[in-house]
Protein backbone atom coordinates (compact mmCIF):
# COMPACT_ATOMS: atom_id res chain seq x y z
CA MET A 1 -15.70 21.82 65.90
CA LEU A 2 -12.93 21.65 68.47
CA HIS A 3 -10.22 24.28 67.86
CA ILE A 4 -6.90 23.58 69.53
CA LYS A 5 -4.28 26.31 69.26
CA ILE A 6 -0.77 24.90 68.85
CA ARG A 7 2.30 26.74 70.05
CA GLU A 8 5.92 25.93 70.77
CA CYS A 9 6.72 24.84 74.30
CA ARG A 10 8.22 27.49 76.59
CA ALA A 11 10.22 27.38 79.82
CA GLU A 12 7.12 28.20 81.86
CA ASP A 13 5.47 24.95 80.67
CA SER A 14 8.03 22.84 82.52
CA LEU A 15 6.12 22.16 85.75
CA ASP A 16 2.88 21.35 83.91
CA ILE A 17 4.70 18.82 81.74
CA LEU A 18 6.34 17.27 84.81
CA SER A 19 2.97 17.05 86.55
CA TRP A 20 1.37 15.36 83.53
CA ARG A 21 4.35 12.99 83.20
CA ASN A 22 4.17 11.92 86.85
CA ASP A 23 0.41 11.40 86.81
CA PRO A 24 -0.25 7.78 87.91
CA THR A 25 -2.20 6.88 84.75
CA THR A 26 0.46 8.42 82.52
CA ARG A 27 3.20 6.52 84.34
CA ALA A 28 1.27 3.25 84.13
CA MET A 29 0.98 3.58 80.33
CA SER A 30 4.46 4.99 79.60
CA LEU A 31 7.37 3.01 78.23
CA ASN A 32 9.27 4.32 81.27
CA SER A 33 6.99 4.23 84.32
CA ASP A 34 9.52 5.62 86.81
CA LEU A 35 8.61 8.64 88.92
CA ILE A 36 10.65 11.57 87.61
CA THR A 37 12.23 14.00 90.09
CA ILE A 38 12.17 17.72 89.44
CA GLU A 39 15.95 17.65 89.03
CA GLN A 40 15.77 14.89 86.40
CA HIS A 41 12.94 16.69 84.64
CA GLU A 42 14.63 20.10 84.58
CA LYS A 43 17.80 18.59 83.11
CA TRP A 44 15.82 16.74 80.42
CA PHE A 45 13.53 19.71 79.75
CA THR A 46 16.39 22.21 79.35
CA GLN A 47 18.29 19.86 77.04
CA THR A 48 15.20 19.05 74.98
CA LEU A 49 14.14 22.68 74.53
CA SER A 50 17.60 23.60 73.25
CA ALA A 51 18.15 20.48 71.11
CA PRO A 52 17.95 21.21 67.37
CA ASP A 53 16.37 17.80 66.69
CA SER A 54 13.62 17.99 69.33
CA PHE A 55 10.33 19.85 69.07
CA ILE A 56 7.69 20.15 71.79
CA PHE A 57 4.30 21.63 71.00
CA ILE A 58 1.61 22.60 73.49
CA GLY A 59 -2.06 22.50 72.58
CA GLU A 60 -4.45 24.98 74.19
CA ILE A 61 -8.17 25.61 74.17
CA ASP A 62 -9.05 29.12 75.34
CA GLY A 63 -5.66 29.39 77.07
CA ASP A 64 -6.09 26.08 78.93
CA LYS A 65 -3.31 23.57 78.22
CA VAL A 66 -4.72 20.35 76.72
CA GLY A 67 -1.45 18.49 76.37
CA MET A 68 1.90 18.23 74.67
CA VAL A 69 3.31 16.43 71.66
CA ARG A 70 7.05 15.92 71.23
CA PHE A 71 8.92 15.05 68.05
CA ASP A 72 12.52 13.83 68.14
CA ARG A 73 14.27 13.54 64.80
CA VAL A 74 16.19 10.28 64.46
CA SER A 75 19.86 10.96 63.76
CA GLY A 76 20.93 9.97 60.26
CA GLN A 77 17.38 9.16 59.14
CA LEU A 78 14.50 11.03 57.60
CA SER A 79 12.19 10.13 60.46
CA ALA A 80 11.06 11.48 63.80
CA LYS A 81 9.66 9.73 66.87
CA VAL A 82 6.50 11.20 68.33
CA SER A 83 5.05 11.04 71.81
CA ILE A 84 1.89 12.57 73.24
CA ASN A 85 0.89 13.36 76.80
CA LEU A 86 -2.53 14.73 77.61
CA ASN A 87 -3.22 16.98 80.56
CA PRO A 88 -5.05 14.52 82.87
CA LYS A 89 -8.04 16.86 83.28
CA HIS A 90 -8.66 16.62 79.51
CA ARG A 91 -8.69 12.82 79.29
CA GLY A 92 -11.83 11.14 78.03
CA GLN A 93 -12.98 14.26 76.17
CA ARG A 94 -11.88 13.26 72.65
CA LYS A 95 -9.11 15.85 72.50
CA ALA A 96 -6.08 13.60 71.94
CA VAL A 97 -6.67 12.94 68.22
CA PRO A 98 -7.26 16.62 67.31
CA LEU A 99 -4.21 17.57 69.40
CA LEU A 100 -2.02 14.97 67.69
CA ARG A 101 -3.24 15.87 64.19
CA ALA A 102 -2.71 19.60 64.78
CA CYS A 103 0.80 19.03 66.14
CA VAL A 104 1.70 16.75 63.23
CA GLU A 105 0.53 19.49 60.87
CA LYS A 106 2.67 22.05 62.73
CA PHE A 107 5.72 19.74 62.69
CA ARG A 108 5.24 19.05 58.98
CA GLN A 109 5.51 22.79 58.31
CA ILE A 110 9.12 22.46 59.50
CA HIS A 111 10.02 18.89 58.46
CA SER A 112 8.49 16.35 56.08
CA HIS A 113 9.92 13.36 57.92
CA GLU A 114 8.19 10.03 58.38
CA ILE A 115 6.76 10.02 61.91
CA ILE A 116 7.11 6.94 64.11
CA ALA A 117 5.25 6.14 67.31
CA VAL A 118 6.25 3.45 69.80
CA VAL A 119 3.32 2.48 72.03
CA ARG A 120 2.76 -0.13 74.72
CA ILE A 121 0.42 -2.88 73.53
CA ASP A 122 -1.73 -2.47 76.66
CA ASN A 123 -2.11 1.30 76.21
CA ALA A 124 -5.49 1.18 74.47
CA ALA A 125 -6.01 4.96 74.58
CA SER A 126 -2.74 5.74 72.79
CA ASN A 127 -3.17 2.90 70.30
CA ASN A 128 -6.63 4.21 69.41
CA THR A 129 -5.34 7.80 69.24
CA PHE A 130 -2.57 6.99 66.78
CA LYS A 131 -4.82 4.81 64.60
CA SER A 132 -7.55 7.47 64.57
CA ALA A 133 -4.98 10.11 63.60
CA GLY A 134 -4.02 8.10 60.51
CA PHE A 135 -0.98 6.20 61.77
CA LEU A 136 -0.54 2.65 60.50
CA GLU A 137 0.69 -0.22 62.63
CA VAL A 138 3.89 -1.45 61.01
CA GLU A 139 5.44 -3.75 63.58
CA SER A 140 4.51 -5.62 66.71
CA LYS A 141 6.93 -6.84 69.35
CA PRO A 142 4.73 -8.67 71.85
CA GLU A 143 7.79 -10.00 73.66
CA HIS A 144 8.62 -6.38 74.50
CA GLY A 145 4.98 -5.33 74.86
CA ILE A 146 5.17 -2.64 72.18
CA LEU A 147 3.69 -1.68 68.83
CA TYR A 148 5.20 0.57 66.18
CA TYR A 149 3.14 2.98 64.10
CA THR A 150 4.15 5.18 61.20
CA LEU A 151 2.73 8.18 59.40
CA ASN A 152 4.25 9.03 56.03
């Protein structure tokens, strides 16, 4: 069985996360497909790491980074939005679902919030990942090209 070690994100993960974020496939499937500059990324990364309502987890197999999962608690609600980004070299190897499940388990040790995912309708890989990890589709907005999933 695949064992993915989950740890909290650290400052030294910044450039890997930027690289994964700017990968052409990642950008094509993201809600925001813009190329991110290092300056934009560093500002976001520093703010996110220090934000009390944001949590980034890194999954590793034998010290090799598989990907990251971020949870952002929604202000004034008992929910958190989740996003996942796989290291491109680990795509197509059936690691996204175990990574997501393990990170959800880690997050739930801290908070018992409902978890919400917002995914592009045409992002088949992410839609399949969230469904396979136990998320339920709760809303569709075809006019915006997005689906909403929840995990209670």
